[in-house]
Amino acid sequence: MNFPLISQFVEAIMASEDNFNELSHLRPVLGASGQPVMTGGGLAEVFKMKDELPV
């Protein structure tokens, strides 16, 4: 079984407005390098997102 590469997850996160049906108001938090802020361990990566839903 082939699993997605982290680069494929990053691409999906960068286009979150197109890829998230229910959570399309979320945007990735970008670091100084312009890449999404993420942390990982074991078998997981967690991406930091900000909620841009108008209040």
PDB file of N, CA and C in Angstrom:
ATOM      1  N   MET A   1       0.844  -1.171   0.000  1.00  0.00           N
ATOM      2  CA  MET A   1       0.000   0.000   0.000  1.00  0.00           C
ATOM      3  C   MET A   1       0.896   1.243   0.000  1.00  0.00           C
ATOM      4  N   ASN A   2       0.641   2.160  -0.897  1.00  0.00           N
ATOM      5  CA  ASN A   2       1.394   3.408  -0.959  1.00  0.00           C
ATOM      6  C   ASN A   2       0.655   4.498  -0.196  1.00  0.00           C
ATOM      7  N   PHE A   3       1.385   5.181   0.663  1.00  0.00           N
ATOM      8  CA  PHE A   3       0.823   6.282   1.436  1.00  0.00           C
ATOM      9  C   PHE A   3       1.257   7.602   0.807  1.00  0.00           C
ATOM     10  N   PRO A   4       0.467   8.670   0.982  1.00  0.00           N
ATOM     11  CA  PRO A   4       0.851   9.976   0.436  1.00  0.00           C
ATOM     12  C   PRO A   4       2.148  10.474   1.073  1.00  0.00           C
ATOM     13  N   LEU A   5       2.923  11.197   0.299  1.00  0.00           N
ATOM     14  CA  LEU A   5       4.133  11.835   0.804  1.00  0.00           C
ATOM     15  C   LEU A   5       3.762  13.102   1.555  1.00  0.00           C
ATOM     16  N   ILE A   6       4.636  13.553   2.455  1.00  0.00           N
ATOM     17  CA  ILE A   6       4.363  14.787   3.197  1.00  0.00           C
ATOM     18  C   ILE A   6       4.211  15.952   2.228  1.00  0.00           C
ATOM     19  N   SER A   7       4.942  15.946   1.130  1.00  0.00           N
ATOM     20  CA  SER A   7       4.824  17.035   0.145  1.00  0.00           C
ATOM     21  C   SER A   7       3.423  17.093  -0.457  1.00  0.00           C
ATOM     22  N   GLN A   8       2.761  15.949  -0.587  1.00  0.00           N
ATOM     23  CA  GLN A   8       1.392  15.926  -1.098  1.00  0.00           C
ATOM     24  C   GLN A   8       0.420  16.505  -0.074  1.00  0.00           C
ATOM     25  N   PHE A   9       0.675  16.242   1.211  1.00  0.00           N
ATOM     26  CA  PHE A   9      -0.153  16.843   2.257  1.00  0.00           C
ATOM     27  C   PHE A   9       0.037  18.357   2.272  1.00  0.00           C
ATOM     28  N   VAL A  10       1.283  18.809   2.133  1.00  0.00           N
ATOM     29  CA  VAL A  10       1.571  20.247   2.125  1.00  0.00           C
ATOM     30  C   VAL A  10       0.836  20.920   0.971  1.00  0.00           C
ATOM     31  N   GLU A  11       0.858  20.317  -0.210  1.00  0.00           N
ATOM     32  CA  GLU A  11       0.136  20.868  -1.365  1.00  0.00           C
ATOM     33  C   GLU A  11      -1.353  20.993  -1.067  1.00  0.00           C
ATOM     34  N   ALA A  12      -1.931  19.976  -0.448  1.00  0.00           N
ATOM     35  CA  ALA A  12      -3.360  20.004  -0.120  1.00  0.00           C
ATOM     36  C   ALA A  12      -3.667  21.084   0.913  1.00  0.00           C
ATOM     37  N   ILE A  13      -2.809  21.234   1.908  1.00  0.00           N
ATOM     38  CA  ILE A  13      -3.015  22.250   2.935  1.00  0.00           C
ATOM     39  C   ILE A  13      -2.901  23.650   2.339  1.00  0.00           C
ATOM     40  N   MET A  14      -1.938  23.856   1.443  1.00  0.00           N
ATOM     41  CA  MET A  14      -1.741  25.169   0.826  1.00  0.00           C
ATOM     42  C   MET A  14      -2.960  25.590   0.003  1.00  0.00           C
ATOM     43  N   ALA A  15      -3.717  24.631  -0.505  1.00  0.00           N
ATOM     44  CA  ALA A  15      -4.927  24.917  -1.271  1.00  0.00           C
ATOM     45  C   ALA A  15      -6.164  24.557  -0.449  1.00  0.00           C
ATOM     46  N   SER A  16      -6.135  24.878   0.843  1.00  0.00           N
ATOM     47  CA  SER A  16      -7.212  24.462   1.749  1.00  0.00           C
ATOM     48  C   SER A  16      -8.572  24.991   1.337  1.00  0.00           C
ATOM     49  N   GLU A  17      -8.624  26.195   0.763  1.00  0.00           N
ATOM     50  CA  GLU A  17      -9.921  26.749   0.362  1.00  0.00           C
ATOM     51  C   GLU A  17     -10.585  25.910  -0.724  1.00  0.00           C
ATOM     52  N   ASP A  18      -9.786  25.181  -1.484  1.00  0.00           N
ATOM     53  CA  ASP A  18     -10.329  24.317  -2.542  1.00  0.00           C
ATOM     54  C   ASP A  18     -10.540  22.880  -2.067  1.00  0.00           C
ATOM     55  N   ASN A  19      -9.801  22.455  -1.054  1.00  0.00           N
ATOM     56  CA  ASN A  19      -9.790  21.052  -0.654  1.00  0.00           C
ATOM     57  C   ASN A  19     -10.637  20.717   0.563  1.00  0.00           C
ATOM     58  N   PHE A  20     -11.044  21.711   1.334  1.00  0.00           N
ATOM     59  CA  PHE A  20     -11.846  21.445   2.531  1.00  0.00           C
ATOM     60  C   PHE A  20     -13.277  21.895   2.277  1.00  0.00           C
ATOM     61  N   ASN A  21     -14.193  20.965   2.138  1.00  0.00           N
ATOM     62  CA  ASN A  21     -15.597  21.299   1.900  1.00  0.00           C
ATOM     63  C   ASN A  21     -16.225  21.993   3.100  1.00  0.00           C
ATOM     64  N   GLU A  22     -16.135  21.374   4.255  1.00  0.00           N
ATOM     65  CA  GLU A  22     -16.799  21.875   5.457  1.00  0.00           C
ATOM     66  C   GLU A  22     -15.986  22.948   6.178  1.00  0.00           C
ATOM     67  N   LEU A  23     -14.685  22.936   6.011  1.00  0.00           N
ATOM     68  CA  LEU A  23     -13.815  23.845   6.758  1.00  0.00           C
ATOM     69  C   LEU A  23     -13.062  24.781   5.817  1.00  0.00           C
ATOM     70  N   SER A  24     -13.739  25.270   4.807  1.00  0.00           N
ATOM     71  CA  SER A  24     -13.079  26.086   3.784  1.00  0.00           C
ATOM     72  C   SER A  24     -12.625  27.442   4.314  1.00  0.00           C
ATOM     73  N   HIS A  25     -13.042  27.825   5.521  1.00  0.00           N
ATOM     74  CA  HIS A  25     -12.618  29.091   6.114  1.00  0.00           C
ATOM     75  C   HIS A  25     -11.262  28.974   6.817  1.00  0.00           C
ATOM     76  N   LEU A  26     -10.710  27.776   6.903  1.00  0.00           N
ATOM     77  CA  LEU A  26      -9.405  27.592   7.533  1.00  0.00           C
ATOM     78  C   LEU A  26      -8.288  27.881   6.540  1.00  0.00           C
ATOM     79  N   ARG A  27      -7.230  28.535   7.025  1.00  0.00           N
ATOM     80  CA  ARG A  27      -6.057  28.844   6.207  1.00  0.00           C
ATOM     81  C   ARG A  27      -4.815  28.384   6.949  1.00  0.00           C
ATOM     82  N   PRO A  28      -3.813  27.893   6.236  1.00  0.00           N
ATOM     83  CA  PRO A  28      -2.592  27.465   6.922  1.00  0.00           C
ATOM     84  C   PRO A  28      -1.815  28.655   7.467  1.00  0.00           C
ATOM     85  N   VAL A  29      -1.180  28.454   8.607  1.00  0.00           N
ATOM     86  CA  VAL A  29      -0.248  29.437   9.156  1.00  0.00           C
ATOM     87  C   VAL A  29       1.092  29.143   8.504  1.00  0.00           C
ATOM     88  N   LEU A  30       1.671  30.167   7.880  1.00  0.00           N
ATOM     89  CA  LEU A  30       2.927  29.981   7.164  1.00  0.00           C
ATOM     90  C   LEU A  30       4.099  30.472   8.007  1.00  0.00           C
ATOM     91  N   GLY A  31       5.199  29.754   7.927  1.00  0.00           N
ATOM     92  CA  GLY A  31       6.413  30.134   8.636  1.00  0.00           C
ATOM     93  C   GLY A  31       7.231  31.113   7.807  1.00  0.00           C
ATOM     94  N   ALA A  32       8.414  31.451   8.278  1.00  0.00           N
ATOM     95  CA  ALA A  32       9.293  32.407   7.612  1.00  0.00           C
ATOM     96  C   ALA A  32       9.683  31.951   6.202  1.00  0.00           C
ATOM     97  N   SER A  33       9.716  30.645   5.982  1.00  0.00           N
ATOM     98  CA  SER A  33      10.091  30.110   4.670  1.00  0.00           C
ATOM     99  C   SER A  33       8.921  30.076   3.691  1.00  0.00           C
ATOM    100  N   GLY A  34       7.721  30.434   4.175  1.00  0.00           N
ATOM    101  CA  GLY A  34       6.537  30.398   3.320  1.00  0.00           C
ATOM    102  C   GLY A  34       5.851  29.046   3.285  1.00  0.00           C
ATOM    103  N   GLN A  35       6.361  28.097   4.050  1.00  0.00           N
ATOM    104  CA  GLN A  35       5.779  26.763   4.132  1.00  0.00           C
ATOM    105  C   GLN A  35       4.859  26.685   5.345  1.00  0.00           C
ATOM    106  N   PRO A  36       3.858  25.794   5.317  1.00  0.00           N
ATOM    107  CA  PRO A  36       2.954  25.661   6.459  1.00  0.00           C
ATOM    108  C   PRO A  36       3.713  25.263   7.730  1.00  0.00           C
ATOM    109  N   VAL A  37       3.294  25.832   8.857  1.00  0.00           N
ATOM    110  CA  VAL A  37       3.856  25.450  10.149  1.00  0.00           C
ATOM    111  C   VAL A  37       3.268  24.092  10.503  1.00  0.00           C
ATOM    112  N   MET A  38       4.147  23.136  10.803  1.00  0.00           N
ATOM    113  CA  MET A  38       3.683  21.788  11.137  1.00  0.00           C
ATOM    114  C   MET A  38       4.621  21.168  12.156  1.00  0.00           C
ATOM    115  N   THR A  39       4.094  20.196  12.851  1.00  0.00           N
ATOM    116  CA  THR A  39       4.880  19.434  13.810  1.00  0.00           C
ATOM    117  C   THR A  39       4.513  17.975  13.635  1.00  0.00           C
ATOM    118  N   GLY A  40       5.435  17.117  13.915  1.00  0.00           N
ATOM    119  CA  GLY A  40       5.158  15.704  13.705  1.00  0.00           C
ATOM    120  C   GLY A  40       5.871  14.832  14.707  1.00  0.00           C
ATOM    121  N   GLY A  41       5.448  13.603  14.697  1.00  0.00           N
ATOM    122  CA  GLY A  41       6.054  12.601  15.551  1.00  0.00           C
ATOM    123  C   GLY A  41       5.401  11.271  15.288  1.00  0.00           C
ATOM    124  N   GLY A  42       6.174  10.245  15.368  1.00  0.00           N
ATOM    125  CA  GLY A  42       5.609   8.924  15.101  1.00  0.00           C
ATOM    126  C   GLY A  42       5.115   8.843  13.670  1.00  0.00           C
ATOM    127  N   LEU A  43       3.832   8.650  13.509  1.00  0.00           N
ATOM    128  CA  LEU A  43       3.245   8.497  12.176  1.00  0.00           C
ATOM    129  C   LEU A  43       2.301   9.637  11.827  1.00  0.00           C
ATOM    130  N   ALA A  44       2.471  10.807  12.456  1.00  0.00           N
ATOM    131  CA  ALA A  44       1.518  11.898  12.238  1.00  0.00           C
ATOM    132  C   ALA A  44       2.233  13.219  11.970  1.00  0.00           C
ATOM    133  N   GLU A  45       1.576  14.076  11.236  1.00  0.00           N
ATOM    134  CA  GLU A  45       1.974  15.468  11.049  1.00  0.00           C
ATOM    135  C   GLU A  45       0.748  16.306  11.373  1.00  0.00           C
ATOM    136  N   VAL A  46       0.937  17.392  12.100  1.00  0.00           N
ATOM    137  CA  VAL A  46      -0.157  18.286  12.458  1.00  0.00           C
ATOM    138  C   VAL A  46       0.164  19.658  11.897  1.00  0.00           C
ATOM    139  N   PHE A  47      -0.765  20.212  11.139  1.00  0.00           N
ATOM    140  CA  PHE A  47      -0.581  21.516  10.516  1.00  0.00           C
ATOM    141  C   PHE A  47      -1.312  22.574  11.326  1.00  0.00           C
ATOM    142  N   LYS A  48      -0.645  23.710  11.556  1.00  0.00           N
ATOM    143  CA  LYS A  48      -1.269  24.818  12.279  1.00  0.00           C
ATOM    144  C   LYS A  48      -2.133  25.600  11.296  1.00  0.00           C
ATOM    145  N   MET A  49      -3.385  25.816  11.667  1.00  0.00           N
ATOM    146  CA  MET A  49      -4.339  26.522  10.801  1.00  0.00           C
ATOM    147  C   MET A  49      -4.933  27.695  11.567  1.00  0.00           C
ATOM    148  N   LYS A  50      -5.388  28.716  10.833  1.00  0.00           N
ATOM    149  CA  LYS A  50      -6.096  29.824  11.468  1.00  0.00           C
ATOM    150  C   LYS A  50      -7.514  29.872  10.907  1.00  0.00           C
ATOM    151  N   ASP A  51      -8.430  30.246  11.762  1.00  0.00           N
ATOM    152  CA  ASP A  51      -9.844  30.311  11.413  1.00  0.00           C
ATOM    153  C   ASP A  51     -10.149  31.716  10.904  1.00  0.00           C
ATOM    154  N   GLU A  52     -10.535  31.849   9.654  1.00  0.00           N
ATOM    155  CA  GLU A  52     -10.865  33.144   9.079  1.00  0.00           C
ATOM    156  C   GLU A  52     -12.367  33.317   8.882  1.00  0.00           C
ATOM    157  N   LEU A  53     -13.141  32.608   9.676  1.00  0.00           N
ATOM    158  CA  LEU A  53     -14.599  32.734   9.637  1.00  0.00           C
ATOM    159  C   LEU A  53     -14.978  34.061  10.271  1.00  0.00           C
ATOM    160  N   PRO A  54     -15.715  34.907   9.531  1.00  0.00           N
ATOM    161  CA  PRO A  54     -16.117  36.194  10.106  1.00  0.00           C
ATOM    162  C   PRO A  54     -17.004  35.974  11.338  1.00  0.00           C
ATOM    163  N   VAL A  55     -16.775  36.810  12.327  1.00  0.00           N
ATOM    164  CA  VAL A  55     -17.553  36.680  13.584  1.00  0.00           C
ATOM    165  C   VAL A  55     -18.721  37.626  13.536  1.00  0.00           C
TER     166      VAL A  55
END
